[in-house]
Amino acid sequence: MSAPLIRIPSISVSSSSIMTVDTATQDPELLRRLLRAKDRMDAASHEDWPVRRLARVSRVSEAHFARAFKQAFGVPPHRYLLTRRIERAQALLRETDRAITEIAFETGWKSLGTFGRTFRDVTGESPGEIRLRAQAAGHELGRVPACFVSAAQRPDLTIAVSEKRRRETTDINGSLQKEIP
């Protein structure tokens, strides 16, 4: 016998956030399991988190986990993890003088090139540009709580990075290619 479904209103952290939660049709026990996996990703975003590992944490099948996670949090697990890594890298760039290479490897990237390209695709700026802008505005952000700064600078990954890159390339080239919905 399965647990009854409870209707819970949708929650949205912010209009630009990927943290929109649609829990209206999900089992509360499943949501607890999904949150357990999400919390593990948050605590160790530098680690590899393939769907198989996350599904084991949640004690559900891989396919069910991937579908349920996207339904609950609005993004696939990989995109959620990517957002967390970018957020952590941005914080380290703003708050430390550590080398960009060191930050890339500490936040879970296997290659500096992949980190730089993905970082620019997601944020629109290179890691060096983010650091320079943060240093220039450093005194102004000192009075703002860190949670507000993080929320304001959260990457908007509502679409896959590869799709975002393709759209930007199409815009740059001025091509009139028909977009597939």
Protein backbone atom coordinates (compact mmCIF):
# COMPACT_ATOMS: atom_id res chain seq x y z
CA MET A 1 0.00 0.00 0.00
CA SER A 2 1.52 3.33 -1.02
CA ALA A 3 1.36 6.53 0.98
CA PRO A 4 -1.44 8.91 0.02
CA LEU A 5 -0.54 11.92 -2.07
CA ILE A 6 -0.80 15.22 -0.25
CA ARG A 7 -1.43 18.41 -2.19
CA ILE A 8 1.12 21.03 -1.17
CA PRO A 9 1.27 24.46 -2.81
CA SER A 10 4.15 25.21 -5.15
CA ILE A 11 7.01 27.25 -3.70
CA SER A 12 9.28 29.62 -5.57
CA VAL A 13 12.43 31.03 -3.99
CA SER A 14 12.82 33.82 -6.57
CA SER A 15 11.66 34.59 -10.06
CA SER A 16 15.10 33.98 -11.60
CA SER A 17 15.98 31.01 -9.45
CA ILE A 18 16.08 27.40 -10.55
CA MET A 19 14.83 26.46 -7.13
CA THR A 20 11.17 26.39 -8.08
CA VAL A 21 9.57 23.45 -6.33
CA ASP A 22 6.54 21.65 -7.71
CA THR A 23 5.50 19.28 -4.96
CA ALA A 24 1.80 19.22 -5.76
CA THR A 25 1.71 15.62 -6.94
CA GLN A 26 4.64 13.99 -5.18
CA ASP A 27 4.63 11.64 -2.25
CA PRO A 28 6.03 13.31 0.91
CA GLU A 29 8.32 10.33 1.56
CA LEU A 30 9.75 10.61 -1.96
CA LEU A 31 10.29 14.34 -1.44
CA ARG A 32 12.25 13.63 1.75
CA ARG A 33 14.42 11.19 -0.18
CA LEU A 34 14.98 13.69 -2.99
CA LEU A 35 15.90 16.37 -0.47
CA ARG A 36 18.39 13.95 1.09
CA ALA A 37 20.12 13.58 -2.31
CA LYS A 38 19.95 17.34 -2.93
CA ASP A 39 21.48 18.01 0.50
CA ARG A 40 24.31 15.59 -0.25
CA MET A 41 25.02 17.42 -3.53
CA ASP A 42 24.99 20.75 -1.68
CA ALA A 43 27.37 19.49 1.00
CA ALA A 44 29.84 17.97 -1.48
CA SER A 45 29.25 19.69 -4.81
CA HIS A 46 32.91 19.16 -5.70
CA GLU A 47 32.34 15.39 -5.86
CA ASP A 48 31.00 13.43 -8.82
CA TRP A 49 27.27 12.84 -8.45
CA PRO A 50 26.07 10.57 -11.24
CA VAL A 51 22.37 9.73 -11.25
CA ARG A 52 23.18 6.19 -10.13
CA ARG A 53 24.78 7.48 -6.91
CA LEU A 54 21.96 9.95 -6.25
CA ALA A 55 19.35 7.25 -6.85
CA ARG A 56 21.08 5.04 -4.27
CA VAL A 57 20.98 7.90 -1.74
CA SER A 58 17.26 8.33 -2.45
CA ARG A 59 16.60 4.58 -2.56
CA VAL A 60 14.74 4.73 -5.89
CA SER A 61 15.57 3.63 -9.43
CA GLU A 62 17.74 5.86 -11.60
CA ALA A 63 14.97 6.69 -14.07
CA HIS A 64 12.47 7.41 -11.31
CA PHE A 65 14.99 9.60 -9.49
CA ALA A 66 15.80 11.68 -12.59
CA ARG A 67 12.11 12.26 -13.39
CA ALA A 68 11.09 12.97 -9.79
CA PHE A 69 14.02 15.33 -9.15
CA LYS A 70 13.23 17.40 -12.23
CA GLN A 71 9.55 17.50 -11.32
CA ALA A 72 10.29 18.53 -7.73
CA PHE A 73 13.03 21.10 -8.33
CA GLY A 74 12.43 22.25 -11.90
CA VAL A 75 15.84 21.17 -13.25
CA PRO A 76 17.62 17.88 -13.84
CA PRO A 77 20.12 16.79 -11.16
CA HIS A 78 23.15 17.50 -13.36
CA ARG A 79 22.04 21.08 -14.00
CA TYR A 80 21.37 21.60 -10.28
CA LEU A 81 24.89 20.38 -9.47
CA LEU A 82 26.37 22.58 -12.19
CA THR A 83 24.62 25.60 -10.67
CA ARG A 84 25.98 24.80 -7.21
CA ARG A 85 29.52 24.48 -8.59
CA ILE A 86 29.29 27.80 -10.42
CA GLU A 87 27.87 29.51 -7.30
CA ARG A 88 30.70 28.14 -5.16
CA ALA A 89 33.30 29.20 -7.72
CA GLN A 90 31.81 32.72 -7.85
CA ALA A 91 31.96 32.97 -4.06
CA LEU A 92 35.60 31.85 -4.01
CA LEU A 93 36.47 34.30 -6.78
CA ARG A 94 34.85 37.16 -4.86
CA GLU A 95 36.13 36.27 -1.40
CA THR A 96 39.65 34.90 -1.95
CA ASP A 97 42.82 35.61 -3.89
CA ARG A 98 43.34 31.96 -4.75
CA ALA A 99 44.35 31.00 -8.27
CA ILE A 100 41.51 30.38 -10.72
CA THR A 101 42.96 26.93 -11.49
CA GLU A 102 42.85 26.01 -7.80
CA ILE A 103 39.25 27.21 -7.54
CA ALA A 104 38.28 25.21 -10.63
CA PHE A 105 39.64 21.96 -9.23
CA GLU A 106 38.29 22.60 -5.73
CA THR A 107 34.76 23.13 -7.07
CA GLY A 108 34.76 19.81 -8.90
CA TRP A 109 35.96 20.56 -12.42
CA LYS A 110 38.36 18.10 -14.05
CA SER A 111 39.83 20.62 -16.49
CA LEU A 112 40.49 24.35 -16.40
CA GLY A 113 39.31 24.69 -20.01
CA THR A 114 35.95 23.09 -19.30
CA PHE A 115 35.55 25.22 -16.18
CA GLY A 116 36.32 28.45 -18.03
CA ARG A 117 34.09 27.70 -21.01
CA THR A 118 31.14 26.53 -18.90
CA PHE A 119 31.58 29.40 -16.43
CA ARG A 120 31.46 31.94 -19.28
CA ASP A 121 28.48 30.19 -20.91
CA VAL A 122 26.52 30.27 -17.66
CA THR A 123 27.48 33.69 -16.25
CA GLY A 124 28.35 35.61 -19.39
CA GLU A 125 31.75 36.54 -17.96
CA SER A 126 35.06 34.76 -17.49
CA PRO A 127 36.21 33.88 -13.97
CA GLY A 128 38.84 36.63 -14.19
CA GLU A 129 36.24 39.23 -15.15
CA ILE A 130 34.02 38.18 -12.21
CA ARG A 131 36.98 38.55 -9.86
CA LEU A 132 37.89 42.01 -11.19
CA ARG A 133 34.30 43.23 -10.95
CA ALA A 134 33.99 41.86 -7.40
CA GLN A 135 37.23 43.55 -6.34
CA ALA A 136 36.07 46.86 -7.81
CA ALA A 137 32.74 46.65 -5.98
CA GLY A 138 34.12 44.92 -2.87
CA HIS A 139 33.43 47.69 -0.41
CA GLU A 140 29.83 48.05 -1.61
CA LEU A 141 28.96 44.36 -1.13
CA GLY A 142 30.45 44.26 2.35
CA ARG A 143 27.25 45.67 3.83
CA VAL A 144 24.95 43.22 2.06
CA PRO A 145 24.29 39.81 3.70
CA ALA A 146 26.08 37.01 1.85
CA CYS A 147 22.83 35.08 1.26
CA PHE A 148 21.42 38.05 -0.70
CA VAL A 149 24.60 38.41 -2.75
CA SER A 150 24.53 34.68 -3.58
CA ALA A 151 20.84 34.76 -4.53
CA ALA A 152 21.31 37.82 -6.73
CA GLN A 153 24.27 36.28 -8.52
CA ARG A 154 22.81 32.76 -8.84
CA PRO A 155 23.29 31.40 -12.35
CA ASP A 156 20.07 31.14 -14.34
CA LEU A 157 20.23 27.63 -15.78
CA THR A 158 16.70 27.09 -16.96
CA ILE A 159 18.08 25.55 -20.16
CA ALA A 160 21.04 23.27 -20.77
CA VAL A 161 24.41 24.95 -21.24
CA SER A 162 24.81 23.40 -24.70
CA GLU A 163 21.39 24.76 -25.74
CA LYS A 164 22.27 28.19 -24.36
CA ARG A 165 25.56 28.12 -26.30
CA ARG A 166 23.72 27.11 -29.50
CA ARG A 167 21.20 29.93 -29.13
CA GLU A 168 23.92 32.51 -28.52
CA THR A 169 25.83 31.27 -31.57
CA THR A 170 22.67 31.58 -33.64
CA ASP A 171 22.15 35.14 -32.35
CA ILE A 172 25.77 36.14 -33.02
CA ASN A 173 25.75 34.77 -36.57
CA GLY A 174 22.43 36.46 -37.30
CA SER A 175 21.19 33.21 -38.71
CA LEU A 176 17.51 32.81 -39.31
CA GLN A 177 17.47 29.14 -38.42
CA LYS A 178 14.14 27.86 -37.21
CA GLU A 179 14.28 26.95 -33.52
CA ILE A 180 12.80 23.62 -32.54
CA PRO A 181 10.36 24.05 -29.63
